[in-house]
Amino acid sequence: MNILKTMAKLRKLVTYTDYRWEETEDLTPEQLAKWKSEDEDLQEEVLDEVEFELSHDKCLEDSEYPELIEDEDGE
């Protein structure tokens, strides 16, 4: 007697997106003046002098409705 056995599982695609906000320590008066000058070379100097650290983040999740996956084994 041949018994038909069906294996089934659900699968869904999940997409995670991580948004990060990074900040520096307080700028010095000189750094602030350079940044406000809107001169890209001076702003690059400021960027070379500072370090950005994680301030906060948010993870968003989106998923599709699960699909049924069936594998029929005729054993």
C-alpha atoms as a PDB file:
ATOM      1  CA  MET A   1       0.000   0.000   0.000  1.00  0.00           C
ATOM      2  CA  ASN A   2       1.389   3.363  -1.031  1.00  0.00           C
ATOM      3  CA  ILE A   3       0.758   6.091   1.596  1.00  0.00           C
ATOM      4  CA  LEU A   4       0.814   9.689   0.389  1.00  0.00           C
ATOM      5  CA  LYS A   5       2.499  11.893   2.959  1.00  0.00           C
ATOM      6  CA  THR A   6       2.260  15.683   2.613  1.00  0.00           C
ATOM      7  CA  MET A   7       4.741  17.966   4.332  1.00  0.00           C
ATOM      8  CA  ALA A   8       3.760  21.613   4.572  1.00  0.00           C
ATOM      9  CA  LYS A   9       5.177  24.790   6.008  1.00  0.00           C
ATOM     10  CA  LEU A  10       4.553  28.523   5.849  1.00  0.00           C
ATOM     11  CA  ARG A  11       7.040  31.066   4.570  1.00  0.00           C
ATOM     12  CA  LYS A  12       6.957  34.860   4.554  1.00  0.00           C
ATOM     13  CA  LEU A  13       9.332  37.591   3.507  1.00  0.00           C
ATOM     14  CA  VAL A  14      10.205  40.011   6.307  1.00  0.00           C
ATOM     15  CA  THR A  15      11.982  43.273   5.600  1.00  0.00           C
ATOM     16  CA  TYR A  16      13.716  45.116   8.430  1.00  0.00           C
ATOM     17  CA  THR A  17      14.787  48.728   8.061  1.00  0.00           C
ATOM     18  CA  ASP A  18      16.925  50.327  10.740  1.00  0.00           C
ATOM     19  CA  TYR A  19      16.943  54.126  11.036  1.00  0.00           C
ATOM     20  CA  ARG A  20      19.805  55.603  13.077  1.00  0.00           C
ATOM     21  CA  TRP A  21      20.222  59.116  14.384  1.00  0.00           C
ATOM     22  CA  GLU A  22      23.804  60.019  15.237  1.00  0.00           C
ATOM     23  CA  GLU A  23      24.994  63.167  16.987  1.00  0.00           C
ATOM     24  CA  THR A  24      28.242  64.795  17.986  1.00  0.00           C
ATOM     25  CA  GLU A  25      29.232  66.328  21.278  1.00  0.00           C
ATOM     26  CA  ASP A  26      28.614  70.092  21.548  1.00  0.00           C
ATOM     27  CA  LEU A  27      30.486  72.042  18.878  1.00  0.00           C
ATOM     28  CA  THR A  28      33.079  74.583  19.948  1.00  0.00           C
ATOM     29  CA  PRO A  29      32.370  78.223  19.055  1.00  0.00           C
ATOM     30  CA  GLU A  30      35.031  77.942  16.313  1.00  0.00           C
ATOM     31  CA  GLN A  31      33.464  74.784  14.870  1.00  0.00           C
ATOM     32  CA  LEU A  32      30.032  76.382  14.963  1.00  0.00           C
ATOM     33  CA  ALA A  33      31.315  79.460  13.100  1.00  0.00           C
ATOM     34  CA  LYS A  34      32.946  77.240  10.461  1.00  0.00           C
ATOM     35  CA  TRP A  35      29.741  75.242  10.014  1.00  0.00           C
ATOM     36  CA  LYS A  36      27.529  78.322   9.736  1.00  0.00           C
ATOM     37  CA  SER A  37      29.870  79.831   7.125  1.00  0.00           C
ATOM     38  CA  GLU A  38      28.373  77.363   4.589  1.00  0.00           C
ATOM     39  CA  ASP A  39      31.902  76.993   3.138  1.00  0.00           C
ATOM     40  CA  GLU A  40      32.196  73.300   2.278  1.00  0.00           C
ATOM     41  CA  ASP A  41      35.947  73.203   2.973  1.00  0.00           C
ATOM     42  CA  LEU A  42      35.432  74.633   6.458  1.00  0.00           C
ATOM     43  CA  GLN A  43      32.534  72.267   7.081  1.00  0.00           C
ATOM     44  CA  GLU A  44      34.767  69.345   6.048  1.00  0.00           C
ATOM     45  CA  GLU A  45      37.301  70.506   8.657  1.00  0.00           C
ATOM     46  CA  VAL A  46      34.577  70.336  11.298  1.00  0.00           C
ATOM     47  CA  LEU A  47      33.562  66.858  10.150  1.00  0.00           C
ATOM     48  CA  ASP A  48      37.194  65.745  10.437  1.00  0.00           C
ATOM     49  CA  GLU A  49      37.335  67.016  14.028  1.00  0.00           C
ATOM     50  CA  VAL A  50      34.155  65.477  15.436  1.00  0.00           C
ATOM     51  CA  GLU A  51      32.842  61.972  16.046  1.00  0.00           C
ATOM     52  CA  PHE A  52      29.247  60.927  15.578  1.00  0.00           C
ATOM     53  CA  GLU A  53      27.718  58.545  18.111  1.00  0.00           C
ATOM     54  CA  LEU A  54      24.395  56.776  18.096  1.00  0.00           C
ATOM     55  CA  SER A  55      21.733  58.984  19.614  1.00  0.00           C
ATOM     56  CA  HIS A  56      18.757  56.693  19.023  1.00  0.00           C
ATOM     57  CA  ASP A  57      17.445  54.282  16.450  1.00  0.00           C
ATOM     58  CA  LYS A  58      14.208  52.765  15.265  1.00  0.00           C
ATOM     59  CA  CYS A  59      13.682  49.447  13.549  1.00  0.00           C
ATOM     60  CA  LEU A  60      10.713  49.098  11.236  1.00  0.00           C
ATOM     61  CA  GLU A  61       9.393  45.727  10.173  1.00  0.00           C
ATOM     62  CA  ASP A  62       7.239  44.906   7.180  1.00  0.00           C
ATOM     63  CA  SER A  63       6.178  41.426   6.205  1.00  0.00           C
ATOM     64  CA  GLU A  64       4.154  39.780   3.502  1.00  0.00           C
ATOM     65  CA  TYR A  65       1.267  37.414   4.166  1.00  0.00           C
ATOM     66  CA  PRO A  66       2.616  33.859   4.585  1.00  0.00           C
ATOM     67  CA  GLU A  67       2.488  31.477   1.647  1.00  0.00           C
ATOM     68  CA  LEU A  68       1.823  27.755   1.960  1.00  0.00           C
ATOM     69  CA  ILE A  69       4.579  25.470   0.709  1.00  0.00           C
ATOM     70  CA  GLU A  70       3.604  21.853   0.250  1.00  0.00           C
ATOM     71  CA  ASP A  71       5.968  18.992  -0.521  1.00  0.00           C
ATOM     72  CA  GLU A  72       4.232  15.798  -1.465  1.00  0.00           C
ATOM     73  CA  ASP A  73       6.214  12.623  -0.942  1.00  0.00           C
ATOM     74  CA  GLY A  74       4.692   9.520  -2.509  1.00  0.00           C
ATOM     75  CA  GLU A  75       6.383   7.079  -0.140  1.00  0.00           C
END
